[in-house]
Protein backbone atom coordinates (compact mmCIF):
# COMPACT_ATOMS: atom_id res chain seq x y z
CA PRO A 1 -186.32 183.16 9.26
CA LEU A 2 -185.85 180.73 12.11
CA TRP A 3 -188.03 177.62 12.25
CA ILE A 4 -187.99 175.57 15.47
CA SER A 5 -189.67 172.27 16.32
CA LEU A 6 -190.21 171.28 19.94
CA GLU A 7 -191.19 167.71 19.05
CA ASN A 8 -187.87 166.00 18.30
CA SER A 9 -184.86 165.37 20.50
CA ASP A 10 -182.03 166.46 18.20
CA ALA A 11 -181.91 169.88 16.57
CA GLN A 12 -181.12 169.88 12.89
CA ALA A 13 -181.40 172.57 10.26
CA ILE A 14 -182.65 172.16 6.72
CA GLY A 15 -183.01 174.86 4.13
CA SER A 16 -181.04 176.99 1.79
CA ASN A 17 -179.91 180.59 1.38
CA ASP A 18 -180.97 182.58 4.44
CA PHE A 19 -183.81 180.24 5.32
CA ASP A 20 -183.38 177.47 7.90
CA VAL A 21 -185.81 175.03 9.47
CA TYR A 22 -184.81 173.73 12.91
CA PHE A 23 -186.26 170.54 14.36
CA GLY A 24 -185.21 170.12 17.98
CA SER A 25 -186.32 170.20 21.58
CA GLY A 26 -185.53 172.06 24.73
CA THR A 27 -186.25 175.48 26.07
CA VAL A 28 -187.07 178.10 23.49
CA GLU A 29 -187.81 180.83 26.02
CA ASN A 30 -187.07 184.13 24.31
CA ALA A 31 -185.22 182.33 21.50
CA VAL A 32 -187.72 183.69 19.00
CA GLY A 33 -187.72 187.38 18.29
CA SER A 34 -185.45 188.08 15.38
CA PRO A 35 -186.47 190.77 12.90
CA TRP A 36 -187.57 188.01 10.47
CA ASP A 37 -190.83 186.05 10.35
CA ASP A 38 -189.92 183.28 12.80
CA LEU A 39 -191.94 180.08 12.78
CA LEU A 40 -192.25 177.64 15.68
CA PHE A 41 -193.34 174.03 15.23
CA GLY A 42 -194.88 172.34 18.28
CA ASP A 43 -196.33 173.50 21.57
CA ALA A 44 -194.92 176.82 22.71
CA GLY A 45 -196.31 176.32 26.20
CA THR A 46 -195.58 179.49 28.17
CA ASN A 47 -192.80 180.65 25.86
CA ARG A 48 -193.11 184.26 24.82
CA LEU A 49 -193.21 184.89 21.09
CA ASP A 50 -192.44 188.55 20.93
CA GLY A 51 -191.36 188.71 17.32
CA GLY A 52 -189.50 191.99 17.35
CA ASP A 53 -190.17 193.33 13.86
CA GLY A 54 -191.15 189.86 12.61
CA ASN A 55 -194.41 187.96 12.55
CA ASP A 56 -193.84 184.91 14.81
CA GLN A 57 -196.24 182.02 14.30
CA ILE A 58 -196.76 178.57 15.83
CA PHE A 59 -197.10 175.58 13.50
CA GLY A 60 -197.80 171.98 14.49
CA TYR A 61 -197.16 168.43 13.43
CA PRO A 62 -194.84 168.72 10.43
CA VAL A 63 -194.82 165.59 8.22
CA ALA A 64 -192.42 165.07 5.30
CA SER A 65 -193.79 163.78 1.99
CA PHE A 66 -193.20 160.25 0.64
CA ASP A 67 -192.29 161.40 -2.82
CA THR A 68 -191.71 165.18 -2.90
CA PRO A 69 -189.50 167.54 -0.85
CA ASP A 70 -192.63 169.10 0.69
CA ILE A 71 -193.62 169.25 4.35
CA VAL A 72 -197.28 169.41 5.41
CA PHE A 73 -198.29 171.00 8.73
CA GLU A 74 -201.15 172.76 10.49
CA SER A 75 -201.30 176.35 11.64
CA ALA A 76 -203.82 178.76 13.09
CA ALA A 77 -201.86 181.74 11.80
CA ASP A 78 -205.01 183.25 10.28
CA GLY A 79 -207.22 182.55 13.29
CA ASP A 80 -208.42 178.99 12.64
CA PRO A 81 -206.42 175.78 12.11
CA ASP A 82 -205.68 175.14 8.43
CA ILE A 83 -203.33 172.85 6.49
CA TYR A 84 -200.23 174.26 4.77
CA LEU A 85 -197.51 172.92 2.47
CA LEU A 86 -193.89 174.05 2.66
CA ASN A 87 -191.16 173.30 0.16
CA PRO A 88 -187.91 173.90 2.09
CA GLU A 89 -185.85 173.86 -1.12
CA SER A 90 -187.66 176.82 -2.66
CA VAL A 91 -188.98 178.34 0.61
CA TYR A 92 -192.45 178.22 -0.98
CA MET A 93 -195.39 177.93 1.45
CA ARG A 94 -198.99 177.37 0.32
CA LYS A 95 -202.26 177.17 2.24
CA VAL A 96 -204.08 173.94 1.32
CA THR A 97 -207.35 174.47 3.19
CA LYS A 98 -209.23 177.76 3.25
CA ASN A 99 -212.30 177.77 5.47
CA ASP A 100 -213.50 178.63 8.96
CA ALA A 101 -213.48 174.99 10.11
CA VAL A 102 -210.80 173.20 12.12
CA ASP A 103 -208.48 171.34 9.71
CA ARG A 104 -205.83 169.29 11.55
CA GLU A 105 -203.71 166.13 11.79
CA ALA A 106 -202.44 166.22 8.21
CA THR A 107 -200.34 163.42 6.79
CA TRP A 108 -199.13 162.40 3.34
CA ALA A 109 -200.43 159.82 0.93
CA PRO A 110 -198.41 159.00 -2.21
CA TYR A 111 -198.54 161.16 -5.35
CA GLY A 112 -198.94 164.52 -3.65
CA VAL A 113 -202.12 163.78 -1.72
CA VAL A 114 -202.60 165.17 1.80
CA VAL A 115 -205.00 163.41 4.20
CA PHE A 116 -206.38 165.32 7.19
CA SER A 117 -209.20 165.56 9.72
CA SER A 118 -211.75 168.39 9.56
CA ASN A 119 -215.03 169.43 11.14
CA ARG A 120 -216.12 171.41 8.07
CA ASP A 121 -219.34 169.35 7.84
CA GLY A 122 -220.13 169.18 11.58
CA ASP A 123 -218.24 166.32 13.19
CA PHE A 124 -214.62 165.42 12.42
CA ASP A 125 -214.31 163.35 9.24
CA LEU A 126 -211.30 162.51 7.06
CA TYR A 127 -210.56 164.34 3.80
CA ARG A 128 -207.89 164.31 1.12
CA ALA A 129 -206.52 167.29 -0.75
CA PHE A 130 -204.79 166.90 -4.09
CA LYS A 131 -201.64 169.03 -4.25
CA ALA A 132 -201.76 169.57 -8.02
CA SER A 133 -205.40 170.70 -8.31
CA GLY A 134 -206.20 171.89 -4.79
CA GLU A 135 -209.38 169.80 -4.90
CA VAL A 136 -210.59 168.50 -1.50
CA GLU A 137 -212.54 165.23 -1.29
CA ARG A 138 -214.31 163.67 1.71
CA ILE A 139 -213.13 160.15 2.66
CA THR A 140 -215.36 159.32 5.65
CA ASN A 141 -218.93 160.43 6.30
CA THR A 142 -220.23 159.27 9.66
CA PRO A 143 -221.83 160.98 12.67
CA ALA A 144 -218.74 159.94 14.67
CA ASN A 145 -215.42 161.78 15.03
CA GLU A 146 -212.52 160.44 12.95
CA GLY A 147 -208.93 161.60 13.21
CA THR A 148 -205.19 160.81 13.38
CA PRO A 149 -204.92 159.42 9.83
CA ALA A 150 -201.93 157.29 8.79
CA MET A 151 -201.44 156.09 5.20
CA SER A 152 -199.85 152.89 3.95
CA PRO A 153 -196.85 153.56 1.67
CA ASN A 154 -198.78 152.33 -1.40
CA GLY A 155 -201.72 154.66 -0.65
CA GLN A 156 -204.28 151.86 -0.53
CA MET A 157 -204.92 151.54 3.20
CA LEU A 158 -205.82 154.35 5.61
CA ALA A 159 -205.57 153.76 9.37
CA PHE A 160 -207.39 156.21 11.63
CA THR A 161 -209.14 156.56 14.98
CA SER A 162 -212.88 156.90 15.43
CA ASP A 163 -215.38 156.99 18.26
CA ARG A 164 -218.10 155.37 16.10
CA SER A 165 -218.38 152.41 18.53
CA GLY A 166 -218.68 154.62 21.62
CA THR A 167 -214.97 154.52 22.50
CA ARG A 168 -212.04 155.69 20.43
CA GLU A 169 -210.76 152.71 18.44
CA VAL A 170 -208.35 152.15 15.54
CA TYR A 171 -209.86 151.36 12.13
CA VAL A 172 -208.47 150.74 8.67
CA LYS A 173 -210.17 151.66 5.39
CA ASP A 174 -209.33 150.23 1.97
CA LEU A 175 -209.38 153.27 -0.32
CA LEU A 176 -209.63 151.13 -3.45
CA GLY A 177 -213.21 150.14 -2.77
CA GLY A 178 -213.00 148.00 0.32
CA GLY A 179 -214.83 148.66 3.53
CA VAL A 180 -213.78 149.79 6.98
CA ARG A 181 -212.44 147.27 9.48
CA LYS A 182 -212.15 147.81 13.25
CA LEU A 183 -208.71 146.77 14.52
CA THR A 184 -209.05 147.35 18.28
CA SER A 185 -211.77 146.67 20.80
CA ASN A 186 -211.26 148.00 24.28
CA LYS A 187 -212.32 150.76 26.62
CA SER A 188 -209.07 152.79 26.58
CA LYS A 189 -208.36 155.50 24.00
CA GLU A 190 -206.28 154.38 21.02
CA THR A 191 -204.37 156.48 18.50
CA SER A 192 -203.14 155.42 15.07
């Protein structure tokens, strides 16, 4: 299969055997359409995914793990956005979240933990999924919308955006028992 990312400037392939993952930018118009199951990372815009005999799919926001060869990404391949893991060495792909909610903006924490935003309980809150067990645990629980998580390398601090103050601001949460601290205070939208 052919994997293409529209989010980076230089194309590069990773993979083994007959499986390649391409991260690059530029026009992909009619580039997809081999007889294999082609996968496209990023925004396809008006590009036509005509798949030929394959099953072309669009995936977004791939993030490489801190400590494993895995890549986490989001896809709406089954109709609603879910979080998936891909191991490019073994070409193994696994669905992490399985529900009718919108699961998005996944990133890695150390030790095989995936952090993401989901509206499974109404508004968008932050969750973590444990790769080994598949267990999903809620991190934030507010009536506000939280998203764009970013983990510190040691897994202790979680930066994210929230509209809990009325405007989207950047916050940081100590996951080892500390509270949440607001880092920005302005009227423009911030992203972590």
